[in-house]
Amino acid sequence: MKSRLYKNRVAIIGRPNVGKSTLFNILTRTRKSVVRNEPGVTRDIIIEPAEWWGHDFEVLDTGGLTEATDIFSQLIKEQVSEILKSVDVLVVVMDGKSGLMPEDRDIIKIAKQTGLPMCLVVNKVDQAHKSDLTISEFYEFGLDIIAASFERRENVDEVIEWVIQHLPEKSTEIREGVRLTVVGKPNVGKSSLCNKLLNEKRMLVSDRAGTTVDAVESQFFYNDNPYILVDTAGLRRQSKRKDGVEFLSAHMSMKSIERSDVVLLMVDVMEGPTVQDAKLVEAVIANHKPVILVGNKIDIAKSEKEAFRQQFRQKTADIFHFFPDIPITFVSAETGSGLDNLFALIEEVWDKINIKIKTSKLNDFFFQVIRKAPAPVIGTKNVKFYYLTQTHQRPPSFIAFANYPEGVTNSYRRFLTKNIQKQFGLEGIPLRIFCMKSRHAKKGNDMTPSEFKNEFQDENLESGIKFKGAYDLNEFADD
């Protein structure tokens, strides 16, 4: 998949709950950053491309900076200080309603140490006739000041204009990138893996569950191959989600899965996969995405548990009984051990989901397979298949034309899918088979497969098909 690599970066910094995430969503025209009327919702660095008036740049939303001594506040402060080394322009947001706070002065001190051009935006100035009075106390910093109201979209254009005027001249380039979404329960090492791959403190790492809230995207290269990495919030059972923020985070994680190319399910090798992981895999498969099971923390397991790989695979077979071919690999996000094997497996899965099978080869195989098992029956009539073709969807999907598609049972769909996987080396890939009723079905009853294929040449079946009236034959559906 193609994506644009943006060289210019604009970071938004400030205290918690001053409106940073609202401005981020406005600038990026997204809802990537969770917005709630409570401090501390944004904890990770969120990066999203923006385009305004012909200018491309990246916008970074950061966690709120405070002088609090709790672990999250300290981690956020370290994280923001680290990421500011790689940005070009700073937008410092302060709260016009609460006025100038002691922590604001500390933030300005941190910002000035970078030497970057910066603008001070005073948010929540809802009464325009009082704006001069509201922002007067902020002039002590000697910075460009803009009074704004993000909720009312007032003076946001002035912020954009200032940013564009101070962007350095840098080019952009188009590149390809496989989108990898990292999912799993809280505290299994997702953010540690992402930080290891990115070589920067983009995601908070803590032994406390719930550190990551947003789905965080980053671009990187591994062995000269481009990837887009998405770290998601840890997903708990719905009954254990403590507040609305966790529900929002879970929703954003599922949205990230829908947009991914390959999903990496991280599991602690010491614990092994659980029923919750199985439900997560079912959700990934329901979105027709390939998934790789990544056993993390092998550095700990080697010293504390003998034959942990064998035990892990056995438990995987028990928990994922509905998906016996799930690809498995082992890593240590802390040391980087196993990363080469992980990316070799990612490339293998990527090749599989992009496979193109010639229609003639597919049908020669198809007509041999359907003779292996009794044909499905609907009422008193046999279901007859005429033709099979691959669509342009990814992972691979197929359309089978039949006289009575509604008679194809779930067990027969699984039979067809398993044979396709075995024949073309697609084990571990969630294939889909659609079944459609052919308008030539009556005539086709007396035609040979070769004659029927020729009859369908005018339909250009390999160049894209609309699925109106098609039956989604998901091989993982229950009988």
Protein backbone atom coordinates (compact mmCIF):
# COMPACT_ATOMS: atom_id res chain seq x y z
CA MET A 1 0.00 0.00 0.00
CA LYS A 2 1.27 3.46 -0.84
CA SER A 3 1.68 6.20 1.68
CA ARG A 4 3.49 9.53 1.75
CA LEU A 5 6.57 10.10 3.85
CA TYR A 6 6.37 13.62 5.27
CA LYS A 7 9.64 15.29 6.27
CA ASN A 8 8.27 18.36 8.12
CA ARG A 9 6.92 17.79 11.63
CA VAL A 10 4.78 20.11 13.74
CA ALA A 11 4.48 19.20 17.44
CA ILE A 12 1.63 20.37 19.68
CA ILE A 13 2.63 20.58 23.36
CA GLY A 14 1.06 21.91 26.55
CA ARG A 15 -0.51 21.00 29.87
CA PRO A 16 -3.21 18.32 30.07
CA ASN A 17 -6.72 19.25 28.93
CA VAL A 18 -5.86 22.54 27.22
CA GLY A 19 -7.15 21.40 23.81
CA LYS A 20 -4.10 19.87 22.14
CA SER A 21 -5.96 16.82 20.82
CA THR A 22 -8.82 18.98 19.52
CA LEU A 23 -6.36 21.08 17.52
CA PHE A 24 -4.63 17.91 16.31
CA ASN A 25 -7.91 16.50 15.00
CA ILE A 26 -8.72 19.80 13.26
CA LEU A 27 -5.32 20.06 11.58
CA THR A 28 -5.31 16.43 10.43
CA ARG A 29 -9.06 16.36 9.60
CA THR A 30 -9.34 13.14 11.60
CA ARG A 31 -10.53 11.86 14.95
CA LYS A 32 -7.33 9.94 15.58
CA SER A 33 -6.71 11.56 18.95
CA VAL A 34 -9.14 10.70 21.75
CA VAL A 35 -10.81 13.86 23.06
CA ARG A 36 -12.35 13.80 26.51
CA ASN A 37 -12.95 16.53 29.08
CA GLU A 38 -10.48 15.05 31.51
CA PRO A 39 -6.69 15.30 31.80
CA GLY A 40 -4.27 12.56 30.83
CA VAL A 41 -6.28 10.94 28.01
CA THR A 42 -3.44 11.30 25.48
CA ARG A 43 -0.37 9.42 26.66
CA ASP A 44 1.40 8.32 23.50
CA ILE A 45 2.80 10.45 20.69
CA ILE A 46 0.29 10.37 17.83
CA ILE A 47 1.50 11.32 14.34
CA GLU A 48 -0.79 11.97 11.39
CA PRO A 49 -0.22 13.67 8.00
CA ALA A 50 -1.89 16.99 7.24
CA GLU A 51 -2.31 18.99 4.06
CA TRP A 52 -3.31 22.66 4.04
CA TRP A 53 -3.22 25.11 1.14
CA GLY A 54 -0.82 22.97 -0.87
CA HIS A 55 1.59 22.29 2.01
CA ASP A 56 2.20 18.81 3.44
CA PHE A 57 3.46 18.16 6.95
CA GLU A 58 3.07 15.80 9.91
CA VAL A 59 1.29 16.80 13.11
CA LEU A 60 2.30 15.28 16.46
CA ASP A 61 -0.09 15.22 19.40
CA THR A 62 1.73 14.78 22.71
CA GLY A 63 0.79 13.87 26.25
CA GLY A 64 0.08 16.67 28.71
CA LEU A 65 3.17 17.97 30.52
CA THR A 66 2.88 18.41 34.28
CA GLU A 67 5.10 18.51 37.35
CA ALA A 68 3.25 15.57 38.90
CA THR A 69 5.48 12.80 40.23
CA ASP A 70 3.33 9.81 39.24
CA ILE A 71 4.88 7.34 36.83
CA PHE A 72 2.77 8.31 33.80
CA SER A 73 3.52 12.02 34.14
CA GLN A 74 7.25 11.38 34.36
CA LEU A 75 7.17 9.00 31.41
CA ILE A 76 5.25 11.53 29.31
CA LYS A 77 7.76 14.26 30.12
CA GLU A 78 10.69 12.07 29.08
CA GLN A 79 8.84 10.98 25.97
CA VAL A 80 8.00 14.52 24.81
CA SER A 81 11.56 15.74 25.43
CA GLU A 82 12.84 12.87 23.29
CA ILE A 83 10.45 13.40 20.39
CA LEU A 84 11.06 17.18 20.20
CA LYS A 85 14.52 16.39 18.83
CA SER A 86 12.92 15.24 15.56
CA VAL A 87 10.40 18.06 14.88
CA ASP A 88 10.66 21.35 12.98
CA VAL A 89 7.98 23.64 14.45
CA LEU A 90 6.32 23.87 17.88
CA VAL A 91 2.79 24.97 18.71
CA VAL A 92 2.43 25.54 22.47
CA VAL A 93 -1.20 25.48 23.63
CA MET A 94 -2.34 27.18 26.83
CA ASP A 95 -5.74 27.64 28.47
CA GLY A 96 -7.24 31.14 28.37
CA LYS A 97 -9.91 30.28 30.92
CA SER A 98 -7.57 29.06 33.65
CA GLY A 99 -4.95 31.67 32.79
CA LEU A 100 -1.17 31.40 33.05
CA MET A 101 -0.08 28.53 35.32
CA PRO A 102 3.36 27.81 36.83
CA GLU A 103 3.60 24.65 34.72
CA ASP A 104 3.16 26.78 31.57
CA ARG A 105 6.43 28.52 32.34
CA ASP A 106 8.19 25.17 32.66
CA ILE A 107 6.79 24.08 29.29
CA ILE A 108 8.05 27.27 27.62
CA LYS A 109 11.46 26.61 29.16
CA ILE A 110 11.50 23.09 27.66
CA ALA A 111 10.33 24.43 24.28
CA LYS A 112 12.93 27.21 24.11
CA GLN A 113 15.73 24.72 24.77
CA THR A 114 14.98 23.14 21.38
CA GLY A 115 15.72 26.35 19.48
CA LEU A 116 12.75 25.67 17.20
CA PRO A 117 10.32 28.31 15.93
CA MET A 118 7.28 28.29 18.20
CA CYS A 119 3.88 29.88 18.45
CA LEU A 120 1.87 30.32 21.64
CA VAL A 121 -1.83 29.58 21.05
CA VAL A 122 -4.18 30.58 23.87
CA ASN A 123 -7.24 28.35 23.55
CA LYS A 124 -10.75 28.69 25.01
CA VAL A 125 -10.96 32.43 24.25
CA ASP A 126 -14.68 32.35 23.50
CA GLN A 127 -15.41 36.09 23.81
CA ALA A 128 -13.63 37.93 20.99
CA HIS A 129 -14.10 41.38 22.54
CA LYS A 130 -12.17 40.24 25.61
CA SER A 131 -9.38 38.45 23.76
CA ASP A 132 -6.77 41.20 24.24
CA LEU A 133 -7.36 41.20 27.99
CA THR A 134 -7.37 37.38 28.18
CA ILE A 135 -4.02 36.92 26.45
CA SER A 136 -2.24 39.94 27.96
CA GLU A 137 -0.53 37.93 30.72
CA PHE A 138 0.99 35.53 28.15
CA TYR A 139 3.08 38.24 26.45
CA GLU A 140 5.84 37.83 29.05
CA PHE A 141 7.32 35.00 26.96
CA GLY A 142 8.04 37.22 23.95
CA LEU A 143 6.45 34.78 21.50
CA ASP A 144 3.96 35.08 18.65
CA ILE A 145 0.54 34.74 20.31
CA ILE A 146 -2.77 33.71 18.75
CA ALA A 147 -6.05 33.81 20.68
CA ALA A 148 -8.31 30.96 19.54
CA SER A 149 -11.28 28.78 20.34
CA PHE A 150 -10.78 25.29 18.94
CA GLU A 151 -14.29 24.15 19.82
CA ARG A 152 -15.74 27.08 17.83
CA ARG A 153 -13.05 26.80 15.11
CA GLU A 154 -12.12 30.45 15.67
CA ASN A 155 -8.69 31.64 14.49
CA VAL A 156 -7.55 28.13 13.64
CA ASP A 157 -6.74 29.47 10.17
CA GLU A 158 -4.28 31.89 11.79
CA VAL A 159 -2.55 28.97 13.50
CA ILE A 160 -2.29 27.13 10.16
CA GLU A 161 -0.98 30.24 8.42
CA TRP A 162 1.70 30.70 11.09
CA VAL A 163 2.74 27.03 10.84
CA ILE A 164 3.06 27.16 7.05
CA GLN A 165 5.13 30.36 7.19
CA HIS A 166 7.63 28.70 9.54
CA LEU A 167 7.93 25.29 7.87
CA PRO A 168 11.41 24.62 6.45
CA GLU A 169 11.70 23.78 2.78
CA LYS A 170 11.65 20.00 2.65
CA SER A 171 10.48 17.68 -0.06
CA THR A 172 8.09 14.76 0.25
CA GLU A 173 8.31 11.38 -1.37
CA ILE A 174 5.91 8.57 -2.16
CA ARG A 175 6.76 5.13 -0.87
CA GLU A 176 5.12 1.79 -0.25
CA GLY A 177 4.51 0.40 3.18
CA VAL A 178 2.91 -2.72 4.64
CA ARG A 179 0.60 -1.64 7.46
CA LEU A 180 1.27 -3.71 10.60
CA THR A 181 -1.19 -3.41 13.49
CA VAL A 182 0.03 -4.65 16.88
CA VAL A 183 -2.77 -5.89 19.14
CA GLY A 184 -3.07 -7.83 22.36
CA LYS A 185 -4.03 -7.63 25.99
CA PRO A 186 -2.56 -4.89 28.20
CA ASN A 187 1.05 -5.19 29.29
CA VAL A 188 2.22 -7.89 26.87
CA GLY A 189 4.95 -5.70 25.34
CA LYS A 190 3.26 -4.05 22.35
CA SER A 191 4.71 -0.60 22.97
CA SER A 192 8.13 -2.05 23.82
CA LEU A 193 8.21 -3.80 20.44
CA CYS A 194 7.19 -0.62 18.64
CA ASN A 195 9.84 1.45 20.40
CA LYS A 196 12.47 -1.17 19.56
CA LEU A 197 11.57 -1.00 15.88
CA LEU A 198 11.37 2.79 15.80
CA ASN A 199 14.46 3.47 17.90
CA GLU A 200 12.69 6.30 19.70
CA LYS A 201 10.39 6.69 22.69
CA ARG A 202 7.15 7.09 20.80
CA MET A 203 5.02 4.90 23.09
CA LEU A 204 4.92 4.82 26.86
CA VAL A 205 6.29 1.66 28.40
CA SER A 206 5.20 0.77 31.92
CA ASP A 207 4.40 -2.36 33.90
CA ARG A 208 0.99 -0.86 34.59
CA ALA A 209 -1.93 -1.86 32.31
CA GLY A 210 -3.61 0.84 30.26
CA THR A 211 -0.51 2.87 29.38
CA THR A 212 -1.40 3.16 25.69
CA VAL A 213 -4.77 4.79 24.98
CA ASP A 214 -4.71 5.83 21.30
CA ALA A 215 -3.85 3.79 18.23
CA VAL A 216 -0.44 5.21 17.29
CA GLU A 217 0.97 5.07 13.74
CA SER A 218 4.63 5.34 12.71
CA GLN A 219 6.64 4.73 9.57
CA PHE A 220 9.93 2.80 9.54
CA PHE A 221 12.17 0.52 7.47
CA TYR A 222 13.40 -2.95 8.32
CA ASN A 223 15.95 -4.64 6.06
CA ASP A 224 15.29 -1.80 3.58
CA ASN A 225 11.60 -2.71 3.38
CA PRO A 226 9.06 0.01 4.33
CA TYR A 227 6.36 -0.54 6.94
CA ILE A 228 3.68 1.42 8.75
CA LEU A 229 3.48 0.36 12.37
CA VAL A 230 0.30 0.81 14.43
CA ASP A 231 0.43 0.31 18.19
CA THR A 232 -3.01 -0.08 19.77
CA ALA A 233 -4.44 0.10 23.25
CA GLY A 234 -4.49 -3.14 25.20
CA LEU A 235 -7.88 -4.79 24.73
CA ARG A 236 -9.61 -6.16 27.82
CA ARG A 237 -12.89 -7.96 28.14
CA GLN A 238 -15.75 -5.50 27.87
CA SER A 239 -16.82 -6.16 31.46
CA LYS A 240 -13.35 -5.13 32.71
CA ARG A 241 -13.11 -1.80 30.89
CA LYS A 242 -13.06 0.75 33.65
CA ASP A 243 -14.16 3.97 31.94
CA GLY A 244 -15.26 5.65 28.73
CA VAL A 245 -11.68 6.23 27.64
CA GLU A 246 -11.07 2.48 27.48
CA PHE A 247 -14.21 2.01 25.39
CA LEU A 248 -13.02 4.74 22.99
CA SER A 249 -9.58 3.12 22.81
CA ALA A 250 -11.05 -0.30 22.08
CA HIS A 251 -13.13 1.20 19.28
CA MET A 252 -10.04 2.87 17.76
CA SER A 253 -8.09 -0.40 18.01
CA MET A 254 -10.76 -2.23 16.02
CA LYS A 255 -10.74 0.56 13.42
CA SER A 256 -6.97 0.11 13.11
CA ILE A 257 -7.45 -3.63 12.54
CA GLU A 258 -9.87 -2.88 9.71
CA ARG A 259 -7.24 -0.71 7.98
CA SER A 260 -4.31 -3.07 8.51
CA ASP A 261 -2.56 -5.39 6.06
CA VAL A 262 -1.14 -7.80 8.65
CA VAL A 263 -2.11 -8.03 12.33
CA LEU A 264 0.48 -8.98 14.96
CA LEU A 265 -1.14 -10.51 18.05
CA MET A 266 1.32 -10.25 20.94
CA VAL A 267 1.11 -12.73 23.79
CA ASP A 268 3.29 -13.18 26.86
CA VAL A 269 5.02 -16.55 26.39
CA MET A 270 5.03 -17.09 30.15
CA GLU A 271 1.22 -16.91 30.24
CA GLY A 272 0.41 -18.22 26.78
CA PRO A 273 -2.70 -17.37 24.74
CA THR A 274 -6.03 -17.06 26.55
CA VAL A 275 -9.70 -17.13 25.64
CA GLN A 276 -9.56 -13.33 25.35
CA ASP A 277 -6.82 -13.70 22.71
CA ALA A 278 -8.99 -16.22 20.88
CA LYS A 279 -11.84 -13.73 20.77
CA LEU A 280 -9.47 -11.10 19.45
CA VAL A 281 -8.32 -13.47 16.68
CA GLU A 282 -11.95 -14.14 15.82
CA ALA A 283 -12.48 -10.39 15.47
CA VAL A 284 -9.41 -10.11 13.21
CA ILE A 285 -10.61 -12.98 11.03
CA ALA A 286 -14.09 -11.45 10.87
CA ASN A 287 -12.38 -8.43 9.27
CA HIS A 288 -10.61 -10.82 6.86
CA LYS A 289 -7.11 -9.85 7.99
CA PRO A 290 -4.12 -12.21 8.27
CA VAL A 291 -2.76 -12.55 11.78
CA ILE A 292 0.61 -13.64 13.18
CA LEU A 293 0.87 -14.84 16.78
CA VAL A 294 3.95 -13.24 18.37
CA GLY A 295 5.14 -14.83 21.61
CA ASN A 296 7.01 -12.10 23.50
CA LYS A 297 9.47 -12.11 26.44
CA ILE A 298 11.51 -15.13 25.38
CA ASP A 299 14.48 -13.61 27.23
CA ILE A 300 12.59 -14.23 30.48
CA ALA A 301 11.10 -17.56 29.43
CA LYS A 302 14.50 -19.08 28.56
CA SER A 303 15.76 -18.58 32.08
CA GLU A 304 12.59 -19.51 33.94
CA LYS A 305 10.81 -22.10 31.86
CA GLU A 306 12.17 -25.11 29.99
CA ALA A 307 10.65 -26.13 26.66
CA PHE A 308 8.51 -22.98 26.67
CA ARG A 309 8.10 -23.04 22.87
CA GLN A 310 6.59 -26.52 22.90
CA GLN A 311 4.26 -25.64 25.77
CA PHE A 312 3.27 -22.40 24.05
CA ARG A 313 2.44 -24.19 20.79
CA GLN A 314 0.41 -26.81 22.64
CA LYS A 315 -1.65 -24.18 24.43
CA THR A 316 -2.07 -22.31 21.13
CA ALA A 317 -3.47 -25.44 19.50
CA ASP A 318 -5.98 -25.80 22.34
CA ILE A 319 -7.09 -22.15 22.47
CA PHE A 320 -7.08 -21.55 18.70
CA HIS A 321 -8.68 -24.85 17.76
CA PHE A 322 -10.72 -22.98 15.13
CA PHE A 323 -7.51 -21.70 13.49
CA PRO A 324 -4.96 -24.56 13.57
CA ASP A 325 -2.67 -22.96 10.95
CA ILE A 326 -2.08 -19.63 12.71
CA PRO A 327 1.53 -18.53 12.03
CA ILE A 328 3.66 -18.37 15.21
CA THR A 329 6.99 -16.71 15.97
CA PHE A 330 8.90 -15.76 19.14
CA VAL A 331 10.62 -12.48 20.01
CA SER A 332 12.01 -10.42 22.84
CA ALA A 333 10.85 -6.82 22.49
CA GLU A 334 13.38 -5.89 25.18
CA THR A 335 16.51 -7.28 23.48
CA GLY A 336 15.39 -7.47 19.83
CA SER A 337 15.94 -11.21 19.65
CA GLY A 338 13.79 -12.94 17.02
CA LEU A 339 12.98 -9.79 14.98
CA ASP A 340 14.58 -11.20 11.82
CA ASN A 341 12.36 -14.29 12.04
CA LEU A 342 9.32 -12.09 12.67
CA PHE A 343 9.88 -9.98 9.57
CA ALA A 344 10.69 -13.00 7.44
CA LEU A 345 7.29 -14.36 8.46
CA ILE A 346 5.62 -10.99 7.77
CA GLU A 347 7.07 -10.98 4.24
CA GLU A 348 5.93 -14.57 3.73
CA VAL A 349 2.38 -13.69 4.79
CA TRP A 350 2.48 -10.54 2.63
CA ASP A 351 3.43 -12.62 -0.42
CA LYS A 352 0.60 -15.05 0.29
CA ILE A 353 -2.12 -12.41 0.59
CA ASN A 354 -0.99 -10.86 -2.71
CA ILE A 355 -0.97 -14.11 -4.67
CA LYS A 356 -2.67 -14.10 -8.07
CA ILE A 357 -3.85 -17.45 -9.38
CA LYS A 358 -4.61 -17.86 -13.06
CA THR A 359 -8.25 -18.59 -13.72
CA SER A 360 -7.49 -21.61 -15.86
CA LYS A 361 -5.26 -23.14 -13.18
CA LEU A 362 -7.82 -22.34 -10.50
CA ASN A 363 -10.65 -24.03 -12.36
CA ASP A 364 -8.67 -27.12 -13.29
CA PHE A 365 -8.06 -27.58 -9.57
CA PHE A 366 -11.62 -26.60 -8.60
CA PHE A 367 -13.31 -29.22 -10.74
CA GLN A 368 -11.02 -31.93 -9.36
CA VAL A 369 -11.83 -30.90 -5.78
CA ILE A 370 -15.62 -30.84 -6.10
CA ARG A 371 -15.54 -34.45 -7.22
CA LYS A 372 -13.94 -35.49 -3.88
CA ALA A 373 -17.05 -34.94 -1.79
CA PRO A 374 -20.81 -35.31 -2.36
CA ALA A 375 -22.34 -32.14 -3.73
CA PRO A 376 -24.47 -30.00 -1.40
CA VAL A 377 -28.20 -30.58 -1.65
CA ILE A 378 -30.98 -28.02 -1.28
CA GLY A 379 -34.35 -29.67 -0.94
CA THR A 380 -34.28 -32.44 -3.55
CA LYS A 381 -31.83 -30.74 -5.92
CA ASN A 382 -28.06 -30.97 -6.13
CA VAL A 383 -25.97 -27.82 -6.11
CA LYS A 384 -23.87 -27.65 -9.27
CA PHE A 385 -20.77 -25.47 -9.59
CA TYR A 386 -19.86 -23.95 -12.94
CA TYR A 387 -16.92 -21.63 -12.54
CA LEU A 388 -14.47 -20.21 -9.99
CA THR A 389 -12.47 -16.99 -10.28
CA GLN A 390 -10.28 -14.86 -8.02
CA THR A 391 -11.29 -11.28 -7.22
CA HIS A 392 -8.98 -8.29 -6.70
CA GLN A 393 -9.44 -8.31 -2.94
CA ARG A 394 -6.70 -8.86 -0.38
CA PRO A 395 -6.37 -11.41 1.25
CA PRO A 396 -7.39 -13.63 -1.69
CA SER A 397 -11.10 -14.00 -2.28
CA PHE A 398 -12.91 -16.13 -4.81
CA ILE A 399 -16.31 -16.28 -6.50
CA ALA A 400 -17.96 -19.59 -7.32
CA PHE A 401 -20.93 -19.61 -9.68
CA ALA A 402 -23.58 -22.20 -8.94
CA ASN A 403 -27.19 -22.99 -9.76
CA TYR A 404 -28.29 -22.83 -6.08
CA PRO A 405 -25.67 -20.82 -4.10
CA GLU A 406 -27.92 -20.71 -1.04
CA GLY A 407 -27.51 -24.48 -0.77
CA VAL A 408 -23.78 -24.35 -0.11
CA THR A 409 -23.34 -25.29 3.55
CA ASN A 410 -20.74 -23.94 5.98
CA SER A 411 -19.02 -27.31 6.20
CA TYR A 412 -18.75 -27.49 2.41
CA ARG A 413 -17.31 -23.97 2.35
CA ARG A 414 -14.65 -25.05 4.83
CA PHE A 415 -13.95 -28.10 2.65
CA LEU A 416 -13.36 -25.88 -0.40
CA THR A 417 -11.27 -23.36 1.54
CA LYS A 418 -8.97 -25.95 3.10
CA ASN A 419 -8.32 -27.52 -0.29
CA ILE A 420 -7.49 -24.13 -1.84
CA GLN A 421 -5.14 -23.35 1.06
CA LYS A 422 -3.37 -26.69 0.72
CA GLN A 423 -3.09 -26.58 -3.07
CA PHE A 424 -1.71 -23.04 -3.34
CA GLY A 425 0.28 -22.82 -0.09
CA LEU A 426 -2.11 -20.40 1.63
CA GLU A 427 -2.23 -22.03 5.06
CA GLY A 428 -2.83 -19.48 7.80
CA ILE A 429 -4.51 -17.00 5.45
CA PRO A 430 -8.23 -16.21 5.99
CA LEU A 431 -9.64 -16.82 2.53
CA ARG A 432 -13.15 -15.87 1.44
CA ILE A 433 -15.38 -17.61 -1.04
CA PHE A 434 -18.40 -15.80 -2.44
CA CYS A 435 -21.10 -17.76 -4.21
CA MET A 436 -23.34 -16.27 -6.86
CA LYS A 437 -26.17 -17.56 -8.93
CA SER A 438 -25.22 -17.46 -12.59
CA ARG A 439 -27.57 -15.99 -15.16
CA HIS A 440 -26.31 -18.79 -17.42
CA ALA A 441 -27.10 -21.48 -14.88
CA LYS A 442 -29.95 -23.11 -16.86
CA LYS A 443 -27.89 -23.29 -19.99
CA GLY A 444 -24.82 -24.33 -18.04
CA ASN A 445 -26.47 -27.55 -16.84
CA ASP A 446 -25.66 -29.14 -20.19
CA MET A 447 -22.25 -27.52 -20.74
CA THR A 448 -18.76 -28.87 -20.06
CA PRO A 449 -16.47 -26.80 -17.83
CA SER A 450 -14.44 -25.71 -20.87
CA GLU A 451 -17.57 -24.66 -22.79
CA PHE A 452 -18.92 -22.86 -19.75
CA LYS A 453 -15.61 -20.99 -19.31
CA ASN A 454 -15.76 -19.78 -22.90
CA GLU A 455 -19.34 -18.66 -22.38
CA PHE A 456 -18.21 -16.41 -19.52
CA GLN A 457 -15.32 -14.69 -21.29
CA ASP A 458 -17.49 -11.66 -22.05
CA GLU A 459 -18.08 -11.08 -18.33
CA ASN A 460 -14.38 -10.27 -17.75
CA LEU A 461 -14.47 -12.06 -14.42
CA GLU A 462 -10.84 -11.36 -13.56
CA SER A 463 -11.11 -7.57 -13.78
CA GLY A 464 -13.30 -6.91 -10.77
CA ILE A 465 -16.78 -8.00 -9.77
CA LYS A 466 -19.59 -6.29 -7.90
CA PHE A 467 -20.90 -8.49 -5.12
CA LYS A 468 -24.53 -7.43 -5.24
CA GLY A 469 -26.60 -10.39 -4.15
CA ALA A 470 -23.52 -12.46 -3.34
CA TYR A 471 -23.28 -14.77 -0.35
CA ASP A 472 -20.32 -14.19 1.97
CA LEU A 473 -19.01 -17.68 2.54
CA ASN A 474 -16.70 -17.17 5.49
CA GLU A 475 -15.03 -20.47 6.23
CA PHE A 476 -14.81 -19.62 9.93
CA ALA A 477 -18.57 -19.19 10.36
CA ASP A 478 -20.36 -21.56 12.68
CA ASP A 479 -22.49 -24.32 11.23
